[in-house]
N, C-alpha and C. Protein backbone atom coordinates (compact mmCIF):
# COMPACT_ATOMS: atom_id res chain seq x y z
N MET A 1 0.83 -1.21 0.00
CA MET A 1 0.00 0.00 0.00
C MET A 1 0.87 1.26 0.00
N LYS A 2 1.98 1.20 0.76
CA LYS A 2 2.89 2.32 0.81
C LYS A 2 3.50 2.58 -0.56
N ARG A 3 3.89 1.49 -1.27
CA ARG A 3 4.48 1.63 -2.59
C ARG A 3 3.47 2.24 -3.57
N ILE A 4 2.22 1.76 -3.54
CA ILE A 4 1.19 2.26 -4.44
C ILE A 4 0.94 3.74 -4.18
N THR A 5 0.87 4.11 -2.90
CA THR A 5 0.63 5.51 -2.55
C THR A 5 1.76 6.39 -3.05
N LYS A 6 3.00 5.90 -2.88
CA LYS A 6 4.17 6.65 -3.33
C LYS A 6 4.15 6.82 -4.84
N THR A 7 3.77 5.75 -5.54
CA THR A 7 3.74 5.79 -7.00
C THR A 7 2.69 6.76 -7.51
N VAL A 8 1.48 6.65 -6.98
CA VAL A 8 0.40 7.52 -7.42
C VAL A 8 0.77 8.98 -7.14
N ALA A 9 1.34 9.23 -5.97
CA ALA A 9 1.73 10.60 -5.63
C ALA A 9 2.79 11.12 -6.59
N GLY A 10 3.75 10.24 -6.92
CA GLY A 10 4.81 10.65 -7.83
C GLY A 10 4.29 10.96 -9.22
N ILE A 11 3.41 10.10 -9.73
CA ILE A 11 2.85 10.30 -11.07
C ILE A 11 2.01 11.57 -11.10
N MET A 12 1.19 11.75 -10.07
CA MET A 12 0.33 12.94 -10.05
C MET A 12 1.16 14.21 -9.92
N ALA A 13 2.25 14.13 -9.14
CA ALA A 13 3.10 15.31 -8.98
C ALA A 13 3.74 15.70 -10.29
N LEU A 14 4.24 14.69 -11.03
CA LEU A 14 4.87 14.99 -12.31
C LEU A 14 3.84 15.52 -13.30
N ALA A 15 2.66 14.90 -13.35
CA ALA A 15 1.63 15.35 -14.28
C ALA A 15 1.20 16.78 -13.96
N LEU A 16 1.04 17.07 -12.67
CA LEU A 16 0.65 18.42 -12.27
C LEU A 16 1.75 19.41 -12.60
N THR A 17 3.00 19.00 -12.34
CA THR A 17 4.12 19.88 -12.63
C THR A 17 4.16 20.26 -14.09
N LEU A 18 3.89 19.27 -14.96
CA LEU A 18 3.98 19.53 -16.39
C LEU A 18 2.72 20.17 -16.95
N ALA A 19 1.60 20.04 -16.23
CA ALA A 19 0.33 20.45 -16.82
C ALA A 19 -0.14 21.83 -16.39
N ILE A 20 0.62 22.54 -15.51
CA ILE A 20 0.14 23.85 -15.15
C ILE A 20 0.63 24.88 -16.19
N ALA A 21 -0.01 25.67 -15.78
CA ALA A 21 0.33 26.84 -16.54
C ALA A 21 -0.79 27.58 -17.14
N GLY A 22 18.04 27.32 -26.65
CA GLY A 22 18.26 26.92 -27.60
C GLY A 22 19.40 26.24 -27.39
N CYS A 23 22.31 18.49 -30.58
CA CYS A 23 23.56 17.83 -30.04
C CYS A 23 23.73 16.34 -30.44
N SER A 24 24.65 16.37 -30.85
CA SER A 24 24.94 14.98 -31.22
C SER A 24 25.76 14.32 -30.13
N GLY A 25 25.97 12.99 -30.25
CA GLY A 25 26.71 12.25 -29.24
C GLY A 25 28.15 12.73 -29.16
N GLY A 26 28.79 12.49 -28.02
CA GLY A 26 30.17 12.90 -27.85
C GLY A 26 30.44 13.30 -26.42
N LYS A 27 31.32 14.28 -26.22
CA LYS A 27 31.69 14.72 -24.89
C LYS A 27 30.48 15.25 -24.14
N ALA A 28 30.40 14.88 -22.87
CA ALA A 28 29.26 15.30 -22.05
C ALA A 28 29.22 16.82 -21.92
N ASP A 29 28.05 17.39 -22.16
CA ASP A 29 27.88 18.83 -22.10
C ASP A 29 26.40 19.13 -21.87
N ILE A 30 26.12 20.05 -20.96
CA ILE A 30 24.72 20.41 -20.70
C ILE A 30 24.52 21.92 -20.84
N SER A 31 25.28 22.53 -21.72
CA SER A 31 25.04 23.94 -22.05
C SER A 31 23.72 24.05 -22.79
N THR A 32 23.14 25.24 -22.82
CA THR A 32 21.87 25.45 -23.53
C THR A 32 21.99 25.04 -24.99
N GLU A 33 23.07 25.47 -25.64
CA GLU A 33 23.25 25.15 -27.06
C GLU A 33 23.29 23.65 -27.29
N ARG A 34 24.05 22.94 -26.47
CA ARG A 34 24.20 21.49 -26.63
C ARG A 34 22.88 20.77 -26.38
N VAL A 35 22.19 21.17 -25.35
CA VAL A 35 20.92 20.53 -25.00
C VAL A 35 19.88 20.76 -26.09
N CYS A 36 19.80 21.98 -26.58
CA CYS A 36 18.81 22.29 -27.62
C CYS A 36 19.13 21.57 -28.93
N GLU A 37 20.40 21.34 -29.19
CA GLU A 37 20.78 20.55 -30.35
C GLU A 37 20.25 19.12 -30.20
N ALA A 38 20.29 18.60 -28.98
CA ALA A 38 19.76 17.25 -28.72
C ALA A 38 18.25 17.23 -28.91
N PHE A 39 17.57 18.29 -28.49
CA PHE A 39 16.12 18.38 -28.69
C PHE A 39 15.80 18.41 -30.18
N ASP A 40 16.59 19.17 -30.94
CA ASP A 40 16.38 19.26 -32.39
C ASP A 40 16.58 17.89 -33.05
N LYS A 41 17.62 17.19 -32.61
CA LYS A 41 17.90 15.88 -33.19
C LYS A 41 16.75 14.91 -32.89
N TYR A 42 16.16 15.04 -31.73
CA TYR A 42 15.01 14.22 -31.35
C TYR A 42 13.82 14.50 -32.28
N GLY A 43 13.78 15.71 -32.82
CA GLY A 43 12.68 16.09 -33.70
C GLY A 43 11.67 17.01 -33.05
N ALA A 44 12.04 17.57 -31.89
CA ALA A 44 11.13 18.46 -31.17
C ALA A 44 10.96 19.79 -31.90
N GLU A 45 9.78 20.37 -31.74
CA GLU A 45 9.50 21.69 -32.30
C GLU A 45 10.00 22.77 -31.33
N GLU A 46 10.67 23.77 -31.86
CA GLU A 46 11.10 24.88 -31.03
C GLU A 46 10.05 25.97 -31.05
N PHE A 47 9.48 26.28 -29.89
CA PHE A 47 8.51 27.36 -29.79
C PHE A 47 9.23 28.70 -29.79
N GLU A 48 8.66 29.66 -30.47
CA GLU A 48 9.24 31.01 -30.54
C GLU A 48 8.66 31.92 -29.46
N GLU A 49 7.44 31.62 -29.02
CA GLU A 49 6.77 32.48 -28.05
C GLU A 49 6.40 31.69 -26.79
N PHE A 50 6.49 32.36 -25.66
CA PHE A 50 6.18 31.72 -24.38
C PHE A 50 4.73 31.25 -24.32
N THR A 51 3.85 31.98 -24.99
CA THR A 51 2.44 31.60 -24.99
C THR A 51 2.21 30.25 -25.66
N GLU A 52 3.09 29.86 -26.59
CA GLU A 52 2.97 28.55 -27.22
C GLU A 52 3.22 27.45 -26.21
N LEU A 53 4.20 27.66 -25.34
CA LEU A 53 4.49 26.68 -24.30
C LEU A 53 3.35 26.60 -23.28
N THR A 54 2.89 27.76 -22.81
CA THR A 54 1.83 27.75 -21.80
C THR A 54 0.53 27.16 -22.35
N ARG A 55 0.30 27.33 -23.66
CA ARG A 55 -0.89 26.73 -24.28
C ARG A 55 -0.85 25.20 -24.15
N VAL A 56 0.32 24.61 -24.37
CA VAL A 56 0.47 23.16 -24.24
C VAL A 56 0.32 22.73 -22.78
N LEU A 57 0.93 23.47 -21.88
CA LEU A 57 0.95 23.09 -20.47
C LEU A 57 -0.39 23.31 -19.78
N ASN A 58 -1.18 24.22 -20.28
CA ASN A 58 -2.44 24.54 -19.62
C ASN A 58 -3.51 23.48 -19.81
N GLY A 59 -3.28 22.54 -20.73
CA GLY A 59 -4.24 21.46 -20.92
C GLY A 59 -4.27 20.53 -19.73
N ARG A 60 -5.38 19.87 -19.53
CA ARG A 60 -5.50 18.92 -18.42
C ARG A 60 -4.47 17.81 -18.56
N SER A 61 -4.24 17.39 -19.80
CA SER A 61 -3.20 16.43 -20.10
C SER A 61 -2.37 17.02 -21.24
N PRO A 62 -1.11 17.38 -20.98
CA PRO A 62 -0.31 18.05 -22.00
C PRO A 62 -0.24 17.28 -23.32
N GLU A 63 -0.56 17.96 -24.42
CA GLU A 63 -0.50 17.35 -25.75
C GLU A 63 0.79 17.80 -26.41
N ALA A 64 1.78 16.91 -26.45
CA ALA A 64 3.08 17.28 -27.01
C ALA A 64 3.68 16.08 -27.74
N GLU A 65 2.90 15.51 -28.66
CA GLU A 65 3.41 14.41 -29.47
C GLU A 65 4.59 14.91 -30.30
N GLY A 66 5.68 14.17 -30.27
CA GLY A 66 6.87 14.57 -31.02
C GLY A 66 7.78 15.52 -30.27
N GLY A 67 7.28 16.11 -29.18
CA GLY A 67 8.11 16.98 -28.35
C GLY A 67 8.15 18.42 -28.80
N ALA A 68 8.37 19.32 -27.85
CA ALA A 68 8.50 20.75 -28.12
C ALA A 68 9.36 21.35 -27.01
N TYR A 69 10.01 22.46 -27.31
CA TYR A 69 10.81 23.12 -26.28
C TYR A 69 10.82 24.63 -26.48
N TYR A 70 11.17 25.31 -25.40
CA TYR A 70 11.19 26.78 -25.41
C TYR A 70 12.32 27.26 -24.49
N THR A 71 13.03 28.28 -24.92
CA THR A 71 14.08 28.90 -24.10
C THR A 71 13.62 30.28 -23.67
N THR A 72 13.68 30.53 -22.38
CA THR A 72 13.17 31.78 -21.82
C THR A 72 13.91 33.00 -22.36
N LYS A 73 13.18 34.11 -22.40
CA LYS A 73 13.73 35.36 -22.93
C LYS A 73 13.89 36.45 -21.87
N ASP A 74 13.23 36.30 -20.72
CA ASP A 74 13.36 37.33 -19.70
C ASP A 74 13.12 36.74 -18.31
N ASP A 75 13.36 37.57 -17.28
CA ASP A 75 13.26 37.13 -15.90
C ASP A 75 11.85 36.71 -15.51
N GLU A 76 10.86 37.36 -16.10
CA GLU A 76 9.46 37.05 -15.77
C GLU A 76 9.12 35.61 -16.18
N GLU A 77 9.58 35.21 -17.36
CA GLU A 77 9.33 33.84 -17.82
C GLU A 77 10.08 32.83 -16.96
N ILE A 78 11.32 33.16 -16.59
CA ILE A 78 12.12 32.28 -15.72
C ILE A 78 11.42 32.08 -14.39
N GLU A 79 10.96 33.16 -13.79
CA GLU A 79 10.30 33.09 -12.49
C GLU A 79 9.03 32.25 -12.57
N PHE A 80 8.27 32.42 -13.65
CA PHE A 80 7.03 31.65 -13.81
C PHE A 80 7.34 30.16 -13.85
N ILE A 81 8.32 29.76 -14.66
CA ILE A 81 8.66 28.34 -14.80
C ILE A 81 9.21 27.78 -13.50
N ALA A 82 10.11 28.52 -12.85
CA ALA A 82 10.73 28.03 -11.62
C ALA A 82 9.72 27.88 -10.48
N LYS A 83 8.90 28.90 -10.28
CA LYS A 83 8.00 28.91 -9.12
C LYS A 83 6.69 28.19 -9.36
N ASN A 84 6.23 28.13 -10.61
CA ASN A 84 4.92 27.54 -10.87
C ASN A 84 4.97 26.16 -11.52
N ILE A 85 6.15 25.77 -12.02
CA ILE A 85 6.25 24.48 -12.69
C ILE A 85 7.30 23.59 -12.04
N LEU A 86 8.56 24.01 -12.07
CA LEU A 86 9.64 23.13 -11.59
C LEU A 86 9.59 22.91 -10.08
N PHE A 87 9.41 23.98 -9.32
CA PHE A 87 9.47 23.87 -7.86
C PHE A 87 8.15 24.32 -7.23
N ARG A 88 7.07 23.91 -7.82
CA ARG A 88 5.73 24.29 -7.38
C ARG A 88 5.51 23.86 -5.93
N PHE A 89 4.99 24.78 -5.11
CA PHE A 89 4.66 24.54 -3.69
C PHE A 89 5.90 24.24 -2.84
N GLN A 90 7.09 24.60 -3.32
CA GLN A 90 8.31 24.33 -2.57
C GLN A 90 8.97 25.64 -2.15
N ASP A 91 9.50 25.63 -0.94
CA ASP A 91 10.20 26.80 -0.42
C ASP A 91 11.67 26.66 -0.81
N ILE A 92 12.01 27.14 -2.00
CA ILE A 92 13.34 26.94 -2.54
C ILE A 92 14.26 28.11 -2.19
N PRO A 93 15.57 27.87 -2.20
CA PRO A 93 16.53 28.97 -1.99
C PRO A 93 16.38 30.02 -3.10
N ASP A 94 16.95 31.17 -2.86
CA ASP A 94 16.85 32.27 -3.83
C ASP A 94 17.97 32.13 -4.86
N TRP A 95 17.85 31.10 -5.71
CA TRP A 95 18.84 30.90 -6.77
C TRP A 95 18.65 31.96 -7.86
N ASN A 96 19.74 32.45 -8.39
CA ASN A 96 19.67 33.41 -9.49
C ASN A 96 19.78 32.66 -10.80
N ILE A 97 18.63 32.37 -11.41
CA ILE A 97 18.58 31.62 -12.66
C ILE A 97 18.59 32.61 -13.82
N GLU A 98 19.55 32.45 -14.72
CA GLU A 98 19.68 33.37 -15.85
C GLU A 98 18.83 32.95 -17.04
N GLU A 99 18.62 31.63 -17.20
CA GLU A 99 17.93 31.13 -18.39
C GLU A 99 17.43 29.71 -18.14
N CYS A 100 16.34 29.36 -18.79
CA CYS A 100 15.81 28.00 -18.70
C CYS A 100 15.30 27.56 -20.07
N SER A 101 15.71 26.37 -20.49
CA SER A 101 15.14 25.76 -21.69
C SER A 101 14.29 24.58 -21.23
N TYR A 102 13.05 24.57 -21.66
CA TYR A 102 12.04 23.63 -21.16
C TYR A 102 11.57 22.75 -22.32
N PHE A 103 11.74 21.43 -22.16
CA PHE A 103 11.30 20.45 -23.16
C PHE A 103 10.17 19.61 -22.59
N ILE A 104 9.15 19.36 -23.40
CA ILE A 104 8.06 18.50 -22.98
C ILE A 104 7.66 17.60 -24.14
N ALA A 105 7.39 16.34 -23.84
CA ALA A 105 6.94 15.39 -24.86
C ALA A 105 5.99 14.40 -24.23
N SER A 106 5.00 13.97 -25.00
CA SER A 106 4.05 12.99 -24.50
C SER A 106 3.66 12.05 -25.63
N SER A 107 3.16 10.88 -25.27
CA SER A 107 2.70 9.91 -26.26
C SER A 107 1.52 9.15 -25.68
N LYS A 108 0.38 9.25 -26.34
CA LYS A 108 -0.79 8.50 -25.90
C LYS A 108 -0.57 7.00 -26.09
N GLU A 109 0.15 6.65 -27.15
CA GLU A 109 0.40 5.24 -27.45
C GLU A 109 1.19 4.56 -26.34
N ASP A 110 2.23 5.24 -25.83
CA ASP A 110 3.08 4.67 -24.79
C ASP A 110 2.64 5.07 -23.38
N GLY A 111 1.63 5.94 -23.29
CA GLY A 111 1.22 6.45 -21.98
C GLY A 111 2.35 7.19 -21.29
N SER A 112 3.15 7.90 -22.09
CA SER A 112 4.36 8.52 -21.55
C SER A 112 4.27 10.03 -21.48
N LEU A 113 5.05 10.58 -20.58
CA LEU A 113 5.16 12.02 -20.40
C LEU A 113 6.57 12.31 -19.93
N CYS A 114 7.22 13.30 -20.54
CA CYS A 114 8.61 13.62 -20.19
C CYS A 114 8.80 15.12 -20.12
N GLY A 115 9.53 15.55 -19.11
CA GLY A 115 9.95 16.93 -19.01
C GLY A 115 11.46 16.98 -18.83
N ILE A 116 12.15 17.78 -19.61
CA ILE A 116 13.59 17.98 -19.46
C ILE A 116 13.83 19.48 -19.38
N TYR A 117 14.63 19.90 -18.42
CA TYR A 117 14.83 21.32 -18.18
C TYR A 117 16.32 21.57 -18.00
N VAL A 118 16.89 22.52 -18.74
CA VAL A 118 18.27 22.94 -18.49
C VAL A 118 18.22 24.36 -17.94
N LEU A 119 18.83 24.53 -16.79
CA LEU A 119 18.82 25.82 -16.11
C LEU A 119 20.24 26.35 -16.04
N ILE A 120 20.41 27.60 -16.45
CA ILE A 120 21.71 28.26 -16.38
C ILE A 120 21.65 29.25 -15.22
N LEU A 121 22.53 29.03 -14.24
CA LEU A 121 22.54 29.88 -13.05
C LEU A 121 23.66 30.90 -13.12
N ASP A 122 23.56 31.91 -12.29
CA ASP A 122 24.52 33.00 -12.30
C ASP A 122 25.89 32.54 -11.80
N HIS A 123 25.88 31.61 -10.82
CA HIS A 123 27.13 31.14 -10.23
C HIS A 123 27.15 29.62 -10.12
N GLU A 124 28.33 29.04 -10.25
CA GLU A 124 28.47 27.59 -10.12
C GLU A 124 28.02 27.12 -8.73
N LYS A 125 28.27 27.92 -7.70
CA LYS A 125 27.88 27.55 -6.35
C LYS A 125 26.37 27.30 -6.27
N ASP A 126 25.58 28.16 -6.91
CA ASP A 126 24.13 27.99 -6.93
C ASP A 126 23.74 26.73 -7.70
N ALA A 127 24.47 26.45 -8.78
CA ALA A 127 24.18 25.26 -9.57
C ALA A 127 24.43 24.00 -8.76
N ILE A 128 25.51 23.98 -7.99
CA ILE A 128 25.81 22.83 -7.13
C ILE A 128 24.74 22.69 -6.06
N ASP A 129 24.31 23.81 -5.50
CA ASP A 129 23.27 23.79 -4.46
C ASP A 129 21.96 23.27 -5.04
N MET A 130 21.59 23.70 -6.25
CA MET A 130 20.38 23.20 -6.89
C MET A 130 20.49 21.72 -7.20
N PHE A 131 21.65 21.29 -7.69
CA PHE A 131 21.88 19.88 -7.97
C PHE A 131 21.68 19.04 -6.71
N ASP A 132 22.25 19.47 -5.60
CA ASP A 132 22.11 18.73 -4.34
C ASP A 132 20.65 18.66 -3.90
N TYR A 133 19.93 19.77 -4.09
CA TYR A 133 18.52 19.84 -3.71
C TYR A 133 17.68 18.85 -4.51
N ILE A 134 17.86 18.84 -5.83
CA ILE A 134 17.08 17.94 -6.69
C ILE A 134 17.50 16.49 -6.50
N SER A 135 18.80 16.25 -6.30
CA SER A 135 19.29 14.87 -6.18
C SER A 135 18.69 14.17 -4.96
N GLU A 136 18.34 14.93 -3.93
CA GLU A 136 17.67 14.33 -2.77
C GLU A 136 16.34 13.73 -3.16
N LYS A 137 15.64 14.37 -4.09
CA LYS A 137 14.36 13.86 -4.56
C LYS A 137 14.58 12.63 -5.46
N VAL A 138 15.59 12.70 -6.31
CA VAL A 138 15.90 11.59 -7.20
C VAL A 138 16.28 10.34 -6.41
N SER A 139 16.93 10.54 -5.26
CA SER A 139 17.41 9.40 -4.47
C SER A 139 16.28 8.56 -3.89
N ASP A 140 15.04 9.03 -3.98
CA ASP A 140 13.90 8.25 -3.50
C ASP A 140 13.63 7.04 -4.39
N ASN A 141 14.16 7.04 -5.62
CA ASN A 141 13.96 5.91 -6.52
C ASN A 141 14.68 4.67 -5.99
N ASP A 142 14.09 3.49 -6.26
CA ASP A 142 14.71 2.24 -5.81
C ASP A 142 16.07 2.02 -6.48
N ASN A 143 16.14 2.24 -7.77
CA ASN A 143 17.39 2.02 -8.52
C ASN A 143 18.09 3.36 -8.70
N TYR A 144 18.87 3.72 -7.70
CA TYR A 144 19.48 5.05 -7.65
C TYR A 144 20.99 4.93 -7.66
N THR A 145 21.65 5.83 -8.40
CA THR A 145 23.10 5.90 -8.37
C THR A 145 23.53 7.34 -8.61
N SER A 146 24.70 7.70 -8.12
CA SER A 146 25.21 9.05 -8.31
C SER A 146 26.72 9.00 -8.44
N GLY A 147 27.29 10.08 -8.96
CA GLY A 147 28.73 10.15 -9.13
C GLY A 147 29.11 11.27 -10.07
N SER A 148 30.23 11.13 -10.74
CA SER A 148 30.70 12.12 -11.68
C SER A 148 31.35 11.41 -12.86
N ARG A 149 31.05 11.87 -14.07
CA ARG A 149 31.64 11.32 -15.28
C ARG A 149 31.83 12.40 -16.31
N SER A 150 33.01 12.45 -16.89
CA SER A 150 33.35 13.44 -17.92
C SER A 150 33.08 14.87 -17.44
N GLY A 151 33.35 15.11 -16.17
CA GLY A 151 33.19 16.45 -15.62
C GLY A 151 31.77 16.83 -15.27
N VAL A 152 30.84 15.88 -15.38
CA VAL A 152 29.43 16.14 -15.07
C VAL A 152 29.03 15.35 -13.83
N ASN A 153 28.54 16.04 -12.81
CA ASN A 153 27.97 15.37 -11.64
C ASN A 153 26.59 14.86 -11.99
N TYR A 154 26.24 13.67 -11.50
CA TYR A 154 24.93 13.12 -11.84
C TYR A 154 24.32 12.37 -10.65
N ALA A 155 23.00 12.35 -10.63
CA ALA A 155 22.22 11.54 -9.70
C ALA A 155 21.02 11.04 -10.50
N VAL A 156 20.94 9.73 -10.70
CA VAL A 156 19.92 9.17 -11.58
C VAL A 156 19.26 7.98 -10.93
N GLY A 157 18.03 7.68 -11.36
CA GLY A 157 17.33 6.53 -10.83
C GLY A 157 16.12 6.17 -11.66
N ASN A 158 15.62 4.98 -11.43
CA ASN A 158 14.39 4.54 -12.08
C ASN A 158 13.66 3.61 -11.14
N GLU A 159 12.39 3.40 -11.41
CA GLU A 159 11.55 2.62 -10.51
C GLU A 159 10.38 2.04 -11.28
N GLU A 160 10.04 0.82 -10.98
CA GLU A 160 8.89 0.17 -11.59
C GLU A 160 7.80 0.04 -10.55
N THR A 161 6.72 0.80 -10.74
CA THR A 161 5.58 0.72 -9.83
C THR A 161 4.33 0.64 -10.70
N LEU A 162 3.38 1.53 -10.53
CA LEU A 162 2.23 1.53 -11.42
C LEU A 162 2.62 2.01 -12.81
N LYS A 163 3.69 2.77 -12.88
CA LYS A 163 4.27 3.24 -14.13
C LYS A 163 5.77 2.98 -14.07
N GLN A 164 6.40 2.98 -15.24
CA GLN A 164 7.86 2.97 -15.31
C GLN A 164 8.33 4.43 -15.21
N ASN A 165 9.15 4.71 -14.22
CA ASN A 165 9.61 6.08 -13.98
C ASN A 165 11.12 6.18 -14.15
N MET A 166 11.58 7.31 -14.65
CA MET A 166 13.02 7.59 -14.62
C MET A 166 13.22 9.06 -14.28
N ASP A 167 14.26 9.30 -13.47
CA ASP A 167 14.57 10.64 -13.01
C ASP A 167 16.08 10.84 -13.06
N GLY A 168 16.51 12.03 -13.38
CA GLY A 168 17.94 12.31 -13.37
C GLY A 168 18.21 13.79 -13.27
N VAL A 169 19.30 14.12 -12.58
CA VAL A 169 19.74 15.50 -12.50
C VAL A 169 21.25 15.52 -12.73
N TYR A 170 21.72 16.53 -13.48
CA TYR A 170 23.11 16.62 -13.88
C TYR A 170 23.59 18.06 -13.68
N GLN A 171 24.87 18.20 -13.29
CA GLN A 171 25.41 19.55 -13.08
C GLN A 171 26.83 19.62 -13.61
N LYS A 172 27.10 20.69 -14.36
CA LYS A 172 28.45 20.99 -14.84
C LYS A 172 28.59 22.50 -14.89
N GLY A 173 29.56 23.03 -14.17
CA GLY A 173 29.73 24.48 -14.11
C GLY A 173 28.48 25.13 -13.56
N ASN A 174 27.96 26.13 -14.27
CA ASN A 174 26.75 26.82 -13.79
C ASN A 174 25.48 26.29 -14.45
N SER A 175 25.54 25.09 -15.06
CA SER A 175 24.38 24.49 -15.73
C SER A 175 23.84 23.30 -14.95
N VAL A 176 22.52 23.19 -14.90
CA VAL A 176 21.85 22.05 -14.28
C VAL A 176 20.81 21.52 -15.27
N LEU A 177 20.82 20.22 -15.50
CA LEU A 177 19.81 19.58 -16.34
C LEU A 177 19.03 18.60 -15.50
N TRP A 178 17.71 18.62 -15.65
CA TRP A 178 16.82 17.78 -14.84
C TRP A 178 15.86 17.08 -15.77
N VAL A 179 15.74 15.77 -15.65
CA VAL A 179 14.81 15.00 -16.48
C VAL A 179 13.87 14.20 -15.58
N GLN A 180 12.58 14.23 -15.91
CA GLN A 180 11.56 13.43 -15.24
C GLN A 180 10.67 12.82 -16.31
N ALA A 181 10.43 11.52 -16.22
CA ALA A 181 9.60 10.88 -17.24
C ALA A 181 8.94 9.63 -16.68
N TYR A 182 7.78 9.29 -17.25
CA TYR A 182 7.15 8.01 -16.93
C TYR A 182 6.46 7.48 -18.18
N ALA A 183 6.20 6.18 -18.19
CA ALA A 183 5.53 5.53 -19.31
C ALA A 183 4.91 4.23 -18.82
N ASP A 184 4.03 3.66 -19.64
CA ASP A 184 3.39 2.40 -19.26
C ASP A 184 4.40 1.28 -19.14
N GLU A 185 5.38 1.24 -20.06
CA GLU A 185 6.43 0.22 -20.05
C GLU A 185 7.77 0.90 -20.30
N GLU A 186 8.86 0.22 -19.98
CA GLU A 186 10.18 0.82 -20.11
C GLU A 186 10.47 1.24 -21.55
N LYS A 187 9.95 0.50 -22.53
CA LYS A 187 10.22 0.86 -23.93
C LYS A 187 9.69 2.25 -24.26
N GLY A 188 8.69 2.68 -23.52
CA GLY A 188 8.15 4.02 -23.73
C GLY A 188 9.09 5.12 -23.25
N LEU A 189 10.11 4.75 -22.47
CA LEU A 189 11.09 5.71 -21.98
C LEU A 189 12.35 5.77 -22.84
N LYS A 190 12.50 4.81 -23.74
CA LYS A 190 13.74 4.68 -24.51
C LYS A 190 14.03 5.89 -25.39
N GLU A 191 12.99 6.47 -26.00
CA GLU A 191 13.21 7.64 -26.84
C GLU A 191 13.71 8.82 -26.01
N PHE A 192 13.18 8.97 -24.81
CA PHE A 192 13.63 10.05 -23.93
C PHE A 192 15.06 9.77 -23.45
N GLU A 193 15.35 8.50 -23.18
CA GLU A 193 16.71 8.13 -22.79
C GLU A 193 17.70 8.48 -23.90
N SER A 194 17.27 8.38 -25.15
CA SER A 194 18.17 8.67 -26.27
C SER A 194 18.64 10.12 -26.25
N ILE A 195 17.81 11.04 -25.74
CA ILE A 195 18.21 12.44 -25.64
C ILE A 195 19.34 12.57 -24.63
N ILE A 196 19.21 11.88 -23.50
CA ILE A 196 20.23 11.93 -22.46
C ILE A 196 21.53 11.33 -22.96
N LYS A 197 21.45 10.18 -23.62
CA LYS A 197 22.65 9.54 -24.14
C LYS A 197 23.31 10.37 -25.23
N ASP A 198 22.51 11.07 -26.01
CA ASP A 198 23.04 11.90 -27.09
C ASP A 198 23.94 12.99 -26.55
N MET A 199 23.72 13.41 -25.31
CA MET A 199 24.54 14.43 -24.70
C MET A 199 25.72 13.85 -23.94
N GLY A 200 25.89 12.51 -24.03
CA GLY A 200 27.02 11.86 -23.36
C GLY A 200 26.82 11.70 -21.87
N LEU A 201 25.55 11.71 -21.42
CA LEU A 201 25.25 11.64 -19.99
C LEU A 201 24.87 10.22 -19.55
N VAL A 202 25.01 9.97 -18.27
CA VAL A 202 24.64 8.68 -17.68
C VAL A 202 23.13 8.52 -17.75
N SER A 203 22.68 7.38 -18.22
CA SER A 203 21.25 7.13 -18.37
C SER A 203 20.60 6.81 -17.03
N PRO A 204 19.40 7.34 -16.77
CA PRO A 204 18.65 6.97 -15.57
C PRO A 204 18.17 5.53 -15.59
N LEU A 205 18.18 4.89 -16.75
CA LEU A 205 17.69 3.52 -16.86
C LEU A 205 18.76 2.49 -16.58
N LYS A 206 20.00 2.90 -16.38
CA LYS A 206 21.07 1.95 -16.10
C LYS A 206 20.99 1.46 -14.67
């Protein structure tokens, strides 16, 4: 019963998080440019206006077949994403976030939903602090591991409950990348895993 409750809460939290409301393989890198190149390779649509992103997120169930992403243009958009989507209902430190690129993808066929976010902070110290904060949440997964590879700190995990879940957070310099995804079966997560591997990062499914 405890496991079921935890699973339902996790799935609902991710769905709520996603529903409110600029790379090829090689050296590990989570800069905005590198991450957005990976989104492009995946085939995601790049939104030009913030309203395009909020239109997708405001649906009861986000409709993002094929994936889409948006890179913030000002502090107001950053604050909205940080306080109303990524860290909703959380009393977070006063991190100075300079930019956020937000990717969302869903598939009715696989019952999957994925959110990937790269955040560029003003100082590396804040990025490390954010990484530590998020990694505590990732560590709740049964299959959890953390470490450092190719200059990137990582904390990743996956869990099989009512859904197949994968979570991961990565930090290098003043950049933090966070991925959250679930699907009916593990194969529904493989396409999302390909984005992570394309950037040379440790997979949450390992």
